[in-house]
All heavy atoms as atom14 arrays in JSON, in Angstrom:
{
  "sequence": "IIAAIALTHRRRKDAKSQNPAQQIKVRREERVRL",
  "atom14_mask": [
    [1, 1, 1, 1, 1, 1, 1, 1, 0, 0, 0, 0, 0, 0],
    [1, 1, 1, 1, 1, 1, 1, 1, 0, 0, 0, 0, 0, 0],
    [1, 1, 1, 1, 1, 0, 0, 0, 0, 0, 0, 0, 0, 0],
    [1, 1, 1, 1, 1, 0, 0, 0, 0, 0, 0, 0, 0, 0],
    [1, 1, 1, 1, 1, 1, 1, 1, 0, 0, 0, 0, 0, 0],
    [1, 1, 1, 1, 1, 0, 0, 0, 0, 0, 0, 0, 0, 0],
    [1, 1, 1, 1, 1, 1, 1, 1, 0, 0, 0, 0, 0, 0],
    [1, 1, 1, 1, 1, 1, 1, 0, 0, 0, 0, 0, 0, 0],
    [1, 1, 1, 1, 1, 1, 1, 1, 1, 1, 0, 0, 0, 0],
    [1, 1, 1, 1, 1, 1, 1, 1, 1, 1, 1, 0, 0, 0],
    [1, 1, 1, 1, 1, 1, 1, 1, 1, 1, 1, 0, 0, 0],
    [1, 1, 1, 1, 1, 1, 1, 1, 1, 1, 1, 0, 0, 0],
    [1, 1, 1, 1, 1, 1, 1, 1, 1, 0, 0, 0, 0, 0],
    [1, 1, 1, 1, 1, 1, 1, 1, 0, 0, 0, 0, 0, 0],
    [1, 1, 1, 1, 1, 0, 0, 0, 0, 0, 0, 0, 0, 0],
    [1, 1, 1, 1, 1, 1, 1, 1, 1, 0, 0, 0, 0, 0],
    [1, 1, 1, 1, 1, 1, 0, 0, 0, 0, 0, 0, 0, 0],
    [1, 1, 1, 1, 1, 1, 1, 1, 1, 0, 0, 0, 0, 0],
    [1, 1, 1, 1, 1, 1, 1, 1, 0, 0, 0, 0, 0, 0],
    [1, 1, 1, 1, 1, 1, 1, 0, 0, 0, 0, 0, 0, 0],
    [1, 1, 1, 1, 1, 0, 0, 0, 0, 0, 0, 0, 0, 0],
    [1, 1, 1, 1, 1, 1, 1, 1, 1, 0, 0, 0, 0, 0],
    [1, 1, 1, 1, 1, 1, 1, 1, 1, 0, 0, 0, 0, 0],
    [1, 1, 1, 1, 1, 1, 1, 1, 0, 0, 0, 0, 0, 0],
    [1, 1, 1, 1, 1, 1, 1, 1, 1, 0, 0, 0, 0, 0],
    [1, 1, 1, 1, 1, 1, 1, 0, 0, 0, 0, 0, 0, 0],
    [1, 1, 1, 1, 1, 1, 1, 1, 1, 1, 1, 0, 0, 0],
    [1, 1, 1, 1, 1, 1, 1, 1, 1, 1, 1, 0, 0, 0],
    [1, 1, 1, 1, 1, 1, 1, 1, 1, 0, 0, 0, 0, 0],
    [1, 1, 1, 1, 1, 1, 1, 1, 1, 0, 0, 0, 0, 0],
    [1, 1, 1, 1, 1, 1, 1, 1, 1, 1, 1, 0, 0, 0],
    [1, 1, 1, 1, 1, 1, 1, 0, 0, 0, 0, 0, 0, 0],
    [1, 1, 1, 1, 1, 1, 1, 1, 1, 1, 1, 0, 0, 0],
    [1, 1, 1, 1, 1, 1, 1, 1, 0, 0, 0, 0, 0, 0]
  ],
  "atom14_positions": [
    [[105.45, 108.57, 73.95], [104.94, 108.23, 75.27], [104.76, 106.69, 75.44], [105.12, 106.11, 76.45], [103.6, 108.91, 75.5], [103.86, 110.44, 75.61], [102.91, 108.42, 76.76], [102.57, 111.2, 75.74], [0.0, 0.0, 0.0], [0.0, 0.0, 0.0], [0.0, 0.0, 0.0], [0.0, 0.0, 0.0], [0.0, 0.0, 0.0], [0.0, 0.0, 0.0]],
    [[104.16, 106.04, 74.38], [103.97, 104.59, 74.47], [105.34, 103.85, 74.51], [105.55, 102.94, 75.25], [103.16, 104.12, 73.24], [101.77, 104.77, 73.33], [103.1, 102.59, 73.22], [100.88, 104.42, 72.1], [0.0, 0.0, 0.0], [0.0, 0.0, 0.0], [0.0, 0.0, 0.0], [0.0, 0.0, 0.0], [0.0, 0.0, 0.0], [0.0, 0.0, 0.0]],
    [[106.33, 104.37, 73.73], [107.58, 103.75, 73.78], [108.33, 103.94, 75.11], [108.97, 102.97, 75.6], [108.5, 104.37, 72.67], [0.0, 0.0, 0.0], [0.0, 0.0, 0.0], [0.0, 0.0, 0.0], [0.0, 0.0, 0.0], [0.0, 0.0, 0.0], [0.0, 0.0, 0.0], [0.0, 0.0, 0.0], [0.0, 0.0, 0.0], [0.0, 0.0, 0.0]],
    [[108.18, 105.08, 75.67], [108.8, 105.3, 77.01], [108.15, 104.43, 78.12], [108.85, 103.87, 78.92], [108.65, 106.75, 77.43], [0.0, 0.0, 0.0], [0.0, 0.0, 0.0], [0.0, 0.0, 0.0], [0.0, 0.0, 0.0], [0.0, 0.0, 0.0], [0.0, 0.0, 0.0], [0.0, 0.0, 0.0], [0.0, 0.0, 0.0], [0.0, 0.0, 0.0]],
    [[106.84, 104.26, 78.06], [106.16, 103.36, 79.0], [106.59, 101.93, 78.82], [106.86, 101.15, 79.68], [104.68, 103.48, 78.89], [104.23, 104.86, 79.27], [103.97, 102.41, 79.74], [102.75, 105.14, 79.07], [0.0, 0.0, 0.0], [0.0, 0.0, 0.0], [0.0, 0.0, 0.0], [0.0, 0.0, 0.0], [0.0, 0.0, 0.0], [0.0, 0.0, 0.0]],
    [[106.74, 101.49, 77.49], [107.14, 100.09, 77.2], [108.6, 99.85, 77.62], [108.94, 98.72, 78.06], [106.94, 99.86, 75.72], [0.0, 0.0, 0.0], [0.0, 0.0, 0.0], [0.0, 0.0, 0.0], [0.0, 0.0, 0.0], [0.0, 0.0, 0.0], [0.0, 0.0, 0.0], [0.0, 0.0, 0.0], [0.0, 0.0, 0.0], [0.0, 0.0, 0.0]],
    [[109.41, 100.78, 77.52], [110.78, 100.61, 77.83], [111.07, 100.63, 79.33], [111.94, 99.96, 79.84], [111.66, 101.7, 77.17], [111.85, 101.64, 75.63], [112.61, 102.79, 75.12], [112.47, 100.28, 75.21], [0.0, 0.0, 0.0], [0.0, 0.0, 0.0], [0.0, 0.0, 0.0], [0.0, 0.0, 0.0], [0.0, 0.0, 0.0], [0.0, 0.0, 0.0]],
    [[110.25, 101.38, 80.04], [110.56, 101.59, 81.47], [109.7, 100.6, 82.32], [109.94, 100.51, 83.48], [110.24, 102.98, 81.94], [108.87, 103.35, 81.6], [111.2, 103.95, 81.23], [0.0, 0.0, 0.0], [0.0, 0.0, 0.0], [0.0, 0.0, 0.0], [0.0, 0.0, 0.0], [0.0, 0.0, 0.0], [0.0, 0.0, 0.0], [0.0, 0.0, 0.0]],
    [[108.66, 99.96, 81.75], [107.83, 99.12, 82.51], [108.49, 97.75, 82.75], [108.83, 97.08, 81.77], [106.5, 98.89, 81.79], [105.55, 98.02, 82.55], [104.95, 98.39, 83.76], [105.12, 96.75, 82.3], [104.21, 97.42, 84.23], [104.27, 96.43, 83.35], [0.0, 0.0, 0.0], [0.0, 0.0, 0.0], [0.0, 0.0, 0.0], [0.0, 0.0, 0.0]],
    [[108.74, 97.42, 83.95], [109.38, 96.15, 84.34], [108.55, 95.48, 85.46], [108.05, 96.22, 86.33], [110.77, 96.33, 84.79], [111.78, 96.87, 83.73], [112.03, 95.85, 82.65], [113.05, 96.3, 81.7], [112.69, 97.04, 80.58], [111.49, 97.35, 80.37], [113.67, 97.4, 79.75], [0.0, 0.0, 0.0], [0.0, 0.0, 0.0], [0.0, 0.0, 0.0]],
    [[108.41, 94.25, 85.4], [107.71, 93.51, 86.45], [108.7, 93.34, 87.64], [109.72, 92.63, 87.48], [107.17, 92.16, 85.94], [106.42, 91.42, 86.99], [105.9, 90.09, 86.45], [104.99, 90.33, 85.34], [103.67, 90.58, 85.46], [103.14, 90.63, 86.73], [102.92, 90.79, 84.44], [0.0, 0.0, 0.0], [0.0, 0.0, 0.0], [0.0, 0.0, 0.0]],
    [[108.33, 93.84, 88.72], [109.16, 93.72, 89.97], [108.95, 92.4, 90.59], [107.84, 91.94, 90.84], [108.84, 94.89, 90.91], [109.08, 96.27, 90.41], [108.78, 97.35, 91.45], [109.48, 97.06, 92.68], [109.36, 97.81, 93.82], [108.53, 98.81, 93.8], [110.04, 97.47, 94.91], [0.0, 0.0, 0.0], [0.0, 0.0, 0.0], [0.0, 0.0, 0.0]],
    [[110.11, 91.77, 90.92], [110.01, 90.45, 91.63], [109.76, 90.6, 93.09], [109.27, 89.57, 93.65], [111.39, 89.78, 91.38], [111.59, 89.42, 89.88], [112.93, 88.66, 89.71], [113.21, 88.37, 88.25], [114.47, 87.62, 88.08], [0.0, 0.0, 0.0], [0.0, 0.0, 0.0], [0.0, 0.0, 0.0], [0.0, 0.0, 0.0], [0.0, 0.0, 0.0]],
    [[110.11, 91.71, 93.68], [109.92, 91.82, 95.11], [108.52, 92.37, 95.5], [108.2, 92.49, 96.66], [110.98, 92.74, 95.71], [111.0, 94.09, 95.04], [110.4, 94.26, 93.99], [111.59, 95.05, 95.64], [0.0, 0.0, 0.0], [0.0, 0.0, 0.0], [0.0, 0.0, 0.0], [0.0, 0.0, 0.0], [0.0, 0.0, 0.0], [0.0, 0.0, 0.0]],
    [[107.69, 92.73, 94.5], [106.39, 93.24, 94.79], [105.42, 92.09, 94.99], [105.45, 91.11, 94.21], [105.99, 94.17, 93.62], [0.0, 0.0, 0.0], [0.0, 0.0, 0.0], [0.0, 0.0, 0.0], [0.0, 0.0, 0.0], [0.0, 0.0, 0.0], [0.0, 0.0, 0.0], [0.0, 0.0, 0.0], [0.0, 0.0, 0.0], [0.0, 0.0, 0.0]],
    [[104.53, 92.22, 95.96], [103.59, 91.21, 96.24], [102.21, 91.7, 95.69], [101.75, 92.8, 96.03], [103.45, 90.97, 97.77], [104.74, 90.34, 98.37], [104.58, 90.12, 99.82], [105.89, 89.51, 100.4], [105.69, 89.23, 101.87], [0.0, 0.0, 0.0], [0.0, 0.0, 0.0], [0.0, 0.0, 0.0], [0.0, 0.0, 0.0], [0.0, 0.0, 0.0]],
    [[101.55, 90.8, 94.96], [100.28, 91.17, 94.42], [99.36, 89.94, 94.35], [99.86, 88.77, 94.52], [100.41, 91.75, 92.96], [101.12, 90.82, 92.12], [0.0, 0.0, 0.0], [0.0, 0.0, 0.0], [0.0, 0.0, 0.0], [0.0, 0.0, 0.0], [0.0, 0.0, 0.0], [0.0, 0.0, 0.0], [0.0, 0.0, 0.0], [0.0, 0.0, 0.0]],
    [[98.13, 90.07, 94.1], [97.14, 89.02, 94.05], [96.62, 88.99, 92.63], [96.37, 89.96, 91.98], [96.08, 89.22, 95.0], [96.46, 89.23, 96.48], [95.35, 89.42, 97.44], [94.25, 89.71, 97.01], [95.64, 89.29, 98.7], [0.0, 0.0, 0.0], [0.0, 0.0, 0.0], [0.0, 0.0, 0.0], [0.0, 0.0, 0.0], [0.0, 0.0, 0.0]],
    [[96.32, 87.71, 92.24], [95.72, 87.47, 90.96], [94.25, 87.04, 91.14], [94.08, 85.94, 91.59], [96.53, 86.41, 90.12], [96.06, 86.34, 88.71], [95.07, 86.91, 88.32], [96.81, 85.54, 87.87], [0.0, 0.0, 0.0], [0.0, 0.0, 0.0], [0.0, 0.0, 0.0], [0.0, 0.0, 0.0], [0.0, 0.0, 0.0], [0.0, 0.0, 0.0]],
    [[93.31, 87.84, 90.84], [91.87, 87.42, 91.1], [91.46, 86.27, 90.34], [90.65, 85.46, 90.81], [91.13, 88.73, 90.7], [92.07, 89.86, 90.81], [93.44, 89.28, 90.47], [0.0, 0.0, 0.0], [0.0, 0.0, 0.0], [0.0, 0.0, 0.0], [0.0, 0.0, 0.0], [0.0, 0.0, 0.0], [0.0, 0.0, 0.0], [0.0, 0.0, 0.0]],
    [[92.01, 86.08, 89.1], [91.62, 84.92, 88.32], [92.05, 83.63, 88.97], [91.28, 82.62, 88.96], [92.18, 85.05, 86.88], [0.0, 0.0, 0.0], [0.0, 0.0, 0.0], [0.0, 0.0, 0.0], [0.0, 0.0, 0.0], [0.0, 0.0, 0.0], [0.0, 0.0, 0.0], [0.0, 0.0, 0.0], [0.0, 0.0, 0.0], [0.0, 0.0, 0.0]],
    [[93.22, 83.56, 89.44], [93.69, 82.37, 90.17], [92.94, 82.16, 91.49], [92.74, 81.02, 91.9], [95.17, 82.47, 90.45], [96.03, 82.44, 89.21], [97.51, 82.53, 89.5], [97.94, 82.66, 90.66], [98.34, 82.51, 88.43], [0.0, 0.0, 0.0], [0.0, 0.0, 0.0], [0.0, 0.0, 0.0], [0.0, 0.0, 0.0], [0.0, 0.0, 0.0]],
    [[92.57, 83.23, 92.12], [91.79, 83.07, 93.42], [90.4, 82.49, 93.11], [89.87, 81.71, 93.93], [91.67, 84.42, 94.11], [92.98, 84.92, 94.66], [92.78, 86.33, 95.32], [91.8, 86.99, 95.12], [93.79, 86.72, 96.11], [0.0, 0.0, 0.0], [0.0, 0.0, 0.0], [0.0, 0.0, 0.0], [0.0, 0.0, 0.0], [0.0, 0.0, 0.0]],
    [[89.77, 82.82, 92.01], [88.48, 82.3, 91.66], [88.55, 80.82, 91.34], [87.64, 80.0, 91.64], [87.85, 83.13, 90.5], [87.56, 84.59, 91.01], [86.56, 82.45, 90.01], [87.07, 85.47, 89.92], [0.0, 0.0, 0.0], [0.0, 0.0, 0.0], [0.0, 0.0, 0.0], [0.0, 0.0, 0.0], [0.0, 0.0, 0.0], [0.0, 0.0, 0.0]],
    [[89.61, 80.43, 90.61], [89.76, 79.07, 90.2], [90.26, 78.07, 91.3], [90.36, 76.84, 91.0], [90.77, 78.99, 88.98], [90.23, 79.71, 87.79], [91.33, 79.58, 86.69], [90.84, 80.4, 85.43], [91.83, 80.32, 84.39], [0.0, 0.0, 0.0], [0.0, 0.0, 0.0], [0.0, 0.0, 0.0], [0.0, 0.0, 0.0], [0.0, 0.0, 0.0]],
    [[90.56, 78.54, 92.46], [91.08, 77.71, 93.48], [90.03, 76.75, 93.96], [88.78, 77.01, 93.99], [91.61, 78.56, 94.7], [90.47, 79.25, 95.48], [92.53, 77.77, 95.56], [0.0, 0.0, 0.0], [0.0, 0.0, 0.0], [0.0, 0.0, 0.0], [0.0, 0.0, 0.0], [0.0, 0.0, 0.0], [0.0, 0.0, 0.0], [0.0, 0.0, 0.0]],
    [[90.44, 75.52, 94.46], [89.54, 74.49, 94.93], [89.77, 74.33, 96.44], [90.69, 74.79, 97.04], [89.86, 73.18, 94.17], [89.47, 73.24, 92.69], [89.84, 71.91, 92.07], [91.23, 71.58, 92.16], [91.8, 70.46, 91.74], [91.0, 69.51, 91.15], [93.11, 70.28, 91.84], [0.0, 0.0, 0.0], [0.0, 0.0, 0.0], [0.0, 0.0, 0.0]],
    [[88.77, 73.58, 97.02], [88.81, 73.38, 98.48], [90.07, 72.56, 98.91], [90.67, 72.87, 99.9], [87.59, 72.66, 98.92], [87.58, 72.53, 100.5], [86.2, 71.88, 100.87], [86.14, 70.52, 100.32], [86.64, 69.41, 100.9], [87.26, 69.53, 102.02], [86.51, 68.23, 100.35], [0.0, 0.0, 0.0], [0.0, 0.0, 0.0], [0.0, 0.0, 0.0]],
    [[90.46, 71.66, 98.07], [91.65, 70.85, 98.41], [92.97, 71.63, 98.42], [93.92, 71.3, 99.15], [91.74, 69.62, 97.38], [90.69, 68.62, 97.52], [89.41, 69.07, 96.76], [89.45, 70.18, 96.18], [88.39, 68.43, 96.9], [0.0, 0.0, 0.0], [0.0, 0.0, 0.0], [0.0, 0.0, 0.0], [0.0, 0.0, 0.0], [0.0, 0.0, 0.0]],
    [[92.94, 72.75, 97.68], [94.15, 73.55, 97.63], [94.18, 74.51, 98.78], [95.25, 75.1, 99.15], [94.21, 74.32, 96.36], [94.32, 73.38, 95.08], [94.23, 74.18, 93.77], [94.05, 75.39, 93.86], [94.42, 73.55, 92.76], [0.0, 0.0, 0.0], [0.0, 0.0, 0.0], [0.0, 0.0, 0.0], [0.0, 0.0, 0.0], [0.0, 0.0, 0.0]],
    [[93.09, 74.75, 99.41], [92.98, 75.73, 100.53], [93.17, 75.13, 101.84], [93.87, 75.63, 102.75], [91.63, 76.46, 100.49], [91.47, 77.45, 99.34], [92.25, 78.72, 99.58], [91.95, 79.72, 98.52], [92.43, 80.97, 98.59], [93.27, 81.3, 99.56], [92.17, 81.84, 97.67], [0.0, 0.0, 0.0], [0.0, 0.0, 0.0], [0.0, 0.0, 0.0]],
    [[92.56, 73.99, 102.1], [92.51, 73.33, 103.38], [93.23, 71.97, 103.3], [92.91, 71.21, 102.36], [91.07, 73.16, 103.95], [91.14, 72.49, 105.29], [90.43, 74.5, 104.01], [0.0, 0.0, 0.0], [0.0, 0.0, 0.0], [0.0, 0.0, 0.0], [0.0, 0.0, 0.0], [0.0, 0.0, 0.0], [0.0, 0.0, 0.0], [0.0, 0.0, 0.0]],
    [[94.15, 71.66, 104.19], [94.8, 70.38, 104.24], [94.65, 69.79, 105.66], [95.01, 70.43, 106.65], [96.29, 70.52, 103.89], [97.0, 69.22, 103.82], [98.42, 69.41, 103.3], [99.18, 70.25, 104.28], [100.46, 70.57, 104.17], [101.12, 70.13, 103.11], [101.08, 71.33, 105.04], [0.0, 0.0, 0.0], [0.0, 0.0, 0.0], [0.0, 0.0, 0.0]],
    [[94.06, 68.58, 105.69], [93.86, 67.93, 106.96], [95.07, 67.03, 107.31], [95.53, 66.2, 106.45], [92.6, 67.02, 106.89], [91.32, 67.83, 106.6], [90.13, 66.84, 106.51], [91.07, 68.82, 107.71], [0.0, 0.0, 0.0], [0.0, 0.0, 0.0], [0.0, 0.0, 0.0], [0.0, 0.0, 0.0], [0.0, 0.0, 0.0], [0.0, 0.0, 0.0]]
  ]
}
């Protein structure tokens, strides 16, 4: 079962997802541009 999951698991390039760790580390200068 573990081998089947490891062989078939691929990261899709067309899928859109969010990374909470990067969202927490973001600064104000990166969000707003005057």
